[in-house]
Protein backbone atom coordinates (compact mmCIF):
# COMPACT_ATOMS: atom_id res chain seq x y z
CA UNK A 1 88.04 110.01 127.87
CA UNK A 2 85.74 110.56 124.90
CA UNK A 3 84.08 113.83 124.01
CA UNK A 4 80.70 112.51 125.27
CA UNK A 5 81.94 112.49 128.85
CA UNK A 6 83.56 115.90 128.97
CA UNK A 7 81.95 118.78 127.10
CA UNK A 8 83.84 121.88 126.06
CA UNK A 9 87.55 122.35 125.74
CA UNK A 10 87.84 124.01 129.13
CA UNK A 11 85.95 121.42 131.19
CA UNK A 12 88.31 119.32 133.26
CA UNK A 13 87.90 116.00 134.98
CA UNK A 14 84.67 116.02 137.08
CA UNK A 15 83.62 119.44 135.73
CA UNK A 16 80.02 120.52 136.58
CA UNK A 17 79.51 121.26 132.91
CA UNK A 18 79.03 117.53 132.41
CA UNK A 19 76.63 115.82 134.82
CA UNK A 20 77.83 112.32 133.88
CA UNK A 21 75.65 109.24 133.37
CA UNK A 22 74.93 108.62 137.07
CA UNK A 23 74.90 112.16 138.39
CA UNK A 24 71.74 113.53 140.12
CA UNK A 25 70.39 116.38 138.06
CA UNK A 26 68.51 117.93 141.01
CA UNK A 27 69.72 121.49 141.57
CA UNK A 28 72.00 121.83 144.56
CA UNK A 29 70.13 122.27 147.85
CA UNK A 30 66.64 121.66 146.39
CA UNK A 31 66.09 118.49 148.45
CA UNK A 32 67.60 119.90 151.58
CA UNK A 33 70.87 118.10 151.12
CA UNK A 34 74.23 119.78 151.17
CA UNK A 35 75.52 121.04 147.90
CA UNK A 36 78.56 118.77 147.91
CA UNK A 37 76.29 115.69 148.09
CA UNK A 38 74.08 116.84 145.26
CA UNK A 39 77.01 117.47 142.96
CA UNK A 40 78.90 114.27 143.77
CA UNK A 41 79.19 112.30 140.55
CA UNK A 42 82.48 110.43 140.24
CA UNK A 43 82.10 107.05 141.89
CA UNK A 44 78.80 107.76 143.77
CA UNK A 45 75.17 107.58 142.63
CA UNK A 46 72.18 109.25 144.21
CA UNK A 47 69.78 109.39 141.29
CA UNK A 48 69.25 105.74 140.42
CA UNK A 49 67.34 104.55 143.45
CA UNK A 50 70.25 103.99 145.79
CA UNK A 51 71.04 105.86 148.95
CA UNK A 52 73.26 108.88 148.62
CA UNK A 53 76.91 107.93 149.00
CA UNK A 54 76.41 104.34 147.75
CA UNK A 55 79.46 103.40 145.64
CA UNK A 56 78.59 102.66 142.02
CA UNK A 57 80.29 99.97 139.90
CA UNK A 58 83.55 101.27 138.39
CA UNK A 59 83.50 101.87 134.68
CA UNK A 60 85.42 99.28 132.64
CA UNK A 61 88.00 100.59 130.23
CA UNK A 62 88.27 99.04 126.80
CA UNK A 63 91.86 100.27 126.36
CA UNK A 64 94.57 97.58 126.56
CA UNK A 65 96.88 97.59 129.55
CA UNK A 66 100.03 99.71 129.19
CA UNK A 67 102.73 97.90 127.26
CA UNK A 68 100.38 95.30 125.75
CA UNK A 69 100.79 96.65 122.24
CA UNK A 70 104.60 96.75 122.48
CA UNK A 71 104.73 93.21 123.89
CA UNK A 72 102.58 91.92 121.03
CA UNK A 73 104.96 93.57 118.57
CA UNK A 74 108.11 92.22 120.20
CA UNK A 75 106.86 88.67 120.65
CA UNK A 76 107.03 87.68 116.94
CA UNK A 77 110.55 89.11 116.63
CA UNK A 78 111.77 87.46 119.83
CA UNK A 79 110.23 84.06 119.04
CA UNK A 80 111.22 83.80 115.40
CA UNK A 81 114.60 85.42 116.05
CA UNK A 82 115.44 82.84 118.69
CA UNK A 83 114.41 79.98 116.41
CA UNK A 84 116.57 81.31 113.55
CA UNK A 85 119.54 81.87 115.87
CA UNK A 86 119.35 78.38 117.37
CA UNK A 87 119.03 76.65 114.00
CA UNK A 88 121.99 78.55 112.52
CA UNK A 89 124.09 77.84 115.62
CA UNK A 90 123.31 74.11 115.36
CA UNK A 91 124.41 74.03 111.72
CA UNK A 92 127.68 75.77 112.60
CA UNK A 93 128.15 73.32 115.48
CA UNK A 94 127.86 70.35 113.11
CA UNK A 95 130.24 71.96 110.62
CA UNK A 96 132.75 72.71 113.38
CA UNK A 97 132.84 69.02 114.30
CA UNK A 98 133.06 68.06 110.63
CA UNK A 99 136.28 70.03 109.98
CA UNK A 100 138.23 69.01 113.08
CA UNK A 101 141.50 67.48 111.96
CA UNK A 102 145.19 67.98 111.39
CA UNK A 103 146.11 70.87 109.13
CA UNK A 104 147.81 70.22 105.83
CA UNK A 105 150.18 72.41 103.89
CA UNK A 106 147.86 72.98 100.98
CA UNK A 107 146.18 76.29 100.33
CA UNK A 108 144.80 78.79 102.81
CA UNK A 109 144.00 77.85 106.42
CA UNK A 110 140.28 77.79 105.65
CA UNK A 111 140.76 75.18 102.90
CA UNK A 112 143.04 72.77 104.78
CA UNK A 113 140.34 70.54 106.32
CA UNK A 114 137.25 71.59 104.36
CA UNK A 115 135.66 70.23 101.21
CA UNK A 116 132.89 71.15 98.78
CA UNK A 117 130.15 69.73 101.02
CA UNK A 118 131.25 71.96 103.90
CA UNK A 119 131.00 75.11 101.80
CA UNK A 120 127.65 74.13 100.28
CA UNK A 121 126.11 73.58 103.72
CA UNK A 122 127.78 76.75 104.96
CA UNK A 123 126.36 78.78 102.08
CA UNK A 124 122.90 77.39 102.78
CA UNK A 125 123.23 78.37 106.45
CA UNK A 126 124.23 81.93 105.51
CA UNK A 127 121.30 82.29 103.12
CA UNK A 128 118.95 80.74 105.67
CA UNK A 129 120.10 83.17 108.36
CA UNK A 130 119.32 86.11 106.08
CA UNK A 131 115.92 84.80 105.02
CA UNK A 132 114.95 83.91 108.58
CA UNK A 133 116.01 87.30 109.94
CA UNK A 134 114.11 89.20 107.26
CA UNK A 135 111.00 87.07 107.81
CA UNK A 136 111.14 87.75 111.54
CA UNK A 137 111.48 91.48 110.85
CA UNK A 138 108.56 91.41 108.43
CA UNK A 139 106.37 89.60 110.94
CA UNK A 140 107.22 92.13 113.63
CA UNK A 141 106.54 95.01 111.22
CA UNK A 142 103.10 93.64 110.39
CA UNK A 143 102.32 93.20 114.08
CA UNK A 144 103.45 96.77 114.75
CA UNK A 145 101.19 98.12 112.03
CA UNK A 146 98.25 96.14 113.43
CA UNK A 147 98.55 97.88 116.82
CA UNK A 148 99.09 101.34 115.37
CA UNK A 149 102.92 101.42 115.55
CA UNK A 150 104.02 101.25 111.89
CA UNK A 151 107.70 101.23 110.98
CA UNK A 152 109.12 104.41 109.39
CA UNK A 153 108.45 104.75 105.69
CA UNK A 154 112.19 105.24 105.01
CA UNK A 155 113.07 101.85 106.51
CA UNK A 156 114.86 99.41 104.20
CA UNK A 157 114.74 95.64 104.24
CA UNK A 158 118.19 95.27 105.81
CA UNK A 159 117.43 93.06 108.82
CA UNK A 160 119.27 90.25 107.06
CA UNK A 161 122.60 92.10 106.76
CA UNK A 162 124.12 91.60 110.22
CA UNK A 163 122.93 87.95 110.64
CA UNK A 164 124.41 87.09 107.24
CA UNK A 165 127.77 88.66 108.11
CA UNK A 166 127.76 87.07 111.60
CA UNK A 167 127.09 83.60 110.17
CA UNK A 168 129.78 84.15 107.53
CA UNK A 169 132.25 85.13 110.24
CA UNK A 170 131.44 82.04 112.31
CA UNK A 171 131.83 79.81 109.23
CA UNK A 172 135.21 81.30 108.27
CA UNK A 173 136.60 81.12 111.81
CA UNK A 174 135.50 77.48 112.15
CA UNK A 175 137.16 76.63 108.84
CA UNK A 176 140.31 78.61 109.68
CA UNK A 177 141.04 77.13 113.12
CA UNK A 178 139.32 73.71 112.67
CA UNK A 179 139.93 72.66 116.30
CA UNK A 180 137.91 71.66 119.33
CA UNK A 181 137.71 75.20 120.70
CA UNK A 182 135.77 76.34 117.65
CA UNK A 183 133.15 73.67 118.32
CA UNK A 184 132.09 75.94 121.18
CA UNK A 185 133.13 79.37 119.95
CA UNK A 186 131.76 79.04 116.41
CA UNK A 187 128.14 78.28 117.37
CA UNK A 188 128.26 81.01 120.04
CA UNK A 189 129.33 83.58 117.44
CA UNK A 190 126.53 82.47 115.14
CA UNK A 191 123.89 82.50 117.88
CA UNK A 192 124.75 85.82 119.50
CA UNK A 193 125.43 87.44 116.14
CA UNK A 194 121.96 86.54 114.84
CA UNK A 195 120.04 87.04 118.09
CA UNK A 196 121.92 90.22 118.99
CA UNK A 197 121.31 91.73 115.56
CA UNK A 198 117.55 91.11 115.69
CA UNK A 199 117.21 92.17 119.31
CA UNK A 200 119.17 95.41 118.84
CA UNK A 201 117.18 96.29 115.74
CA UNK A 202 113.92 95.62 117.57
CA UNK A 203 115.00 97.81 120.50
CA UNK A 204 115.93 100.58 118.08
CA UNK A 205 112.54 100.44 116.35
CA UNK A 206 110.55 100.52 119.61
CA UNK A 207 112.77 102.97 121.50
CA UNK A 208 111.17 106.01 123.09
CA UNK A 209 112.97 109.31 123.53
CA UNK A 210 114.22 108.27 126.98
CA UNK A 211 115.66 104.96 125.73
CA UNK A 212 116.90 106.05 122.30
CA UNK A 213 120.52 106.45 123.41
CA UNK A 214 120.62 102.99 125.04
CA UNK A 215 119.07 101.31 122.00
CA UNK A 216 121.49 103.11 119.67
CA UNK A 217 124.49 102.06 121.78
CA UNK A 218 123.45 98.39 121.77
CA UNK A 219 122.86 98.47 118.01
CA UNK A 220 126.28 100.04 117.42
CA UNK A 221 128.11 97.56 119.67
CA UNK A 222 126.53 94.55 117.95
CA UNK A 223 127.45 95.83 114.48
CA UNK A 224 131.06 96.61 115.45
CA UNK A 225 131.53 93.27 117.22
CA UNK A 226 130.34 91.41 114.12
CA UNK A 227 132.52 93.66 111.94
CA UNK A 228 135.64 92.84 113.97
CA UNK A 229 135.06 89.08 113.79
CA UNK A 230 134.22 89.03 110.08
CA UNK A 231 137.04 91.35 108.99
CA UNK A 232 139.54 89.48 111.17
CA UNK A 233 138.41 86.15 109.71
CA UNK A 234 139.27 87.40 106.23
CA UNK A 235 142.63 88.87 107.25
CA UNK A 236 143.62 85.75 109.21
CA UNK A 237 143.74 83.76 105.97
CA UNK A 238 146.03 86.25 104.16
CA UNK A 239 143.94 85.93 101.03
CA UNK A 240 145.17 87.27 97.71
CA UNK A 241 144.15 90.87 97.11
CA UNK A 242 141.75 89.94 94.31
CA UNK A 243 139.77 87.77 96.78
CA UNK A 244 140.28 89.50 100.12
CA UNK A 245 139.55 93.08 99.02
CA UNK A 246 136.10 92.33 97.54
CA UNK A 247 135.16 90.26 100.60
CA UNK A 248 136.16 93.06 102.98
CA UNK A 249 134.31 95.58 100.81
CA UNK A 250 131.11 93.49 100.83
CA UNK A 251 131.30 92.97 104.59
CA UNK A 252 131.83 96.67 105.21
CA UNK A 253 129.11 97.71 102.77
CA UNK A 254 126.48 95.43 104.30
CA UNK A 255 127.22 96.56 107.83
CA UNK A 256 127.31 100.23 106.82
CA UNK A 257 123.91 100.03 105.16
CA UNK A 258 122.53 98.58 108.39
CA UNK A 259 124.25 101.32 110.39
CA UNK A 260 122.59 103.96 108.22
CA UNK A 261 119.16 102.68 109.32
CA UNK A 262 119.53 105.17 112.20
CA UNK A 263 119.65 108.08 109.76
CA UNK A 264 116.82 109.72 107.81
CA UNK A 265 118.55 109.46 104.42
CA UNK A 266 116.62 108.03 101.44
CA UNK A 267 117.36 104.54 100.21
CA UNK A 268 119.46 105.51 97.18
CA UNK A 269 121.72 107.65 99.36
CA UNK A 270 122.24 104.80 101.84
CA UNK A 271 123.16 102.42 99.05
CA UNK A 272 125.62 104.94 97.60
CA UNK A 273 127.22 105.54 100.99
CA UNK A 274 127.46 101.79 101.63
CA UNK A 275 129.31 101.36 98.32
CA UNK A 276 131.68 104.20 99.18
CA UNK A 277 132.34 102.83 102.68
CA UNK A 278 132.90 99.32 101.40
CA UNK A 279 135.33 100.64 98.78
CA UNK A 280 137.29 102.47 101.47
CA UNK A 281 137.61 99.26 103.51
CA UNK A 282 138.74 97.32 100.44
CA UNK A 283 141.48 99.89 99.85
CA UNK A 284 142.48 99.61 103.51
CA UNK A 285 143.00 95.87 103.10
CA UNK A 286 145.16 96.43 100.02
CA UNK A 287 147.40 98.72 102.06
CA UNK A 288 147.31 96.34 105.03
CA UNK A 289 148.56 93.43 102.91
CA UNK A 290 151.87 95.30 102.59
CA UNK A 291 152.19 95.66 106.36
CA UNK A 292 153.36 92.55 108.19
CA UNK A 293 151.49 92.46 111.49
CA UNK A 294 149.79 90.03 113.85
CA UNK A 295 146.63 88.41 112.56
CA UNK A 296 144.16 89.88 115.03
CA UNK A 297 145.94 93.22 114.95
CA UNK A 298 145.16 93.43 111.26
CA UNK A 299 141.51 92.77 112.06
CA UNK A 300 141.60 95.57 114.63
CA UNK A 301 143.02 97.97 112.02
CA UNK A 302 140.17 97.11 109.65
CA UNK A 303 137.71 97.63 112.52
CA UNK A 304 139.07 101.14 113.12
CA UNK A 305 138.68 101.88 109.41
CA UNK A 306 135.09 100.63 109.58
CA UNK A 307 134.42 102.76 112.66
CA UNK A 308 135.73 105.85 110.90
CA UNK A 309 133.89 105.25 107.62
CA UNK A 310 130.54 104.21 109.10
CA UNK A 311 130.63 106.97 111.72
CA UNK A 312 131.31 109.78 109.27
CA UNK A 313 128.72 108.50 106.80
CA UNK A 314 126.09 108.17 109.52
CA UNK A 315 126.80 111.67 110.79
CA UNK A 316 126.51 112.96 107.22
CA UNK A 317 123.05 111.42 106.83
CA UNK A 318 121.88 112.89 110.14
CA UNK A 319 123.24 116.41 109.58
CA UNK A 320 123.96 118.43 106.47
CA UNK A 321 127.20 119.79 107.97
CA UNK A 322 129.59 117.80 110.14
CA UNK A 323 130.20 119.31 113.55
CA UNK A 324 133.54 119.74 115.25
CA UNK A 325 132.41 117.12 117.75
CA UNK A 326 131.96 114.60 114.91
CA UNK A 327 135.46 115.24 113.62
CA UNK A 328 136.92 114.79 117.10
CA UNK A 329 134.88 111.66 117.82
CA UNK A 330 135.71 109.85 114.62
CA UNK A 331 138.93 111.47 113.40
CA UNK A 332 140.83 111.82 116.67
CA UNK A 333 139.68 108.51 118.13
CA UNK A 334 140.62 106.68 114.94
CA UNK A 335 144.02 108.39 114.84
CA UNK A 336 144.80 107.38 118.42
CA UNK A 337 143.71 103.80 117.69
CA UNK A 338 145.93 103.64 114.60
CA UNK A 339 148.92 104.91 116.59
CA UNK A 340 148.38 102.34 119.35
CA UNK A 341 148.05 99.51 116.83
CA UNK A 342 151.15 100.64 114.96
CA UNK A 343 153.21 100.67 118.18
CA UNK A 344 152.01 97.23 119.28
CA UNK A 345 152.29 95.60 115.87
């Protein structure tokens, strides 16, 4: 309620200090009526010609219904995000059909049934996924500012990172397996990777204190799922170190910089940490190339390395000193995962 309806800091709702627009100003008991009738003022009018106790018209509130502002913010992200995800999935679907065929003995698995046209269209789809995701994020940010819910000033333009990596992973897996199964799986990876990235980021931006943990968990799961698929796609092809290590480093760096969106660190610190995390993953691939293991097991090892690097860096941006709980969560869990993978390899 505005200050014109309630005067004084100590006057509560319906306080006698404020007679209200329809309240009878006649002193209590002066017209022979009980005091409670003379002082009735919320919902009843006795001073505008009507009989005492006659209900007055309820005041109309100009405030929007609860949740209207949040829905108007989410709608641009949901609509544009779905369009981007569907278009990218359709492109991957066409490319998956295009590369179906018998494998040859030449080159890496991803080059056995592909040609220059495939990689040109694939590169366009990756770039388009990034541009579309960033445009959807920008539209949602403008809508949020218009309803008084601006994004944090420390936010970086990183909405494109996870969709780009997810589309890259779908493209590499389609090229690597080039079979009928990937006609279904490839587009699904592209769609859920793009849509899940935008949805989880939107939930994280609009999360209240009570939903912050849920939004953070969804955001983390999406990033790690995309990381596993993309890192595995690189390792599956047993690329030379000069090609595989930079690819793994770029994938890790992009996903780490998106992970650090949950921390309050400045932009230059996030970029530095992303470079350090990506370099650590590249070194992990160099060591992994000397270890003969199953294809997807190698991807799981790289995922554990990503979990350790991104988790420690995120904790470092959120707190100046790492807690014992952080060391147990990331160090001990990663150690157990490495032991399990080494036994099963």
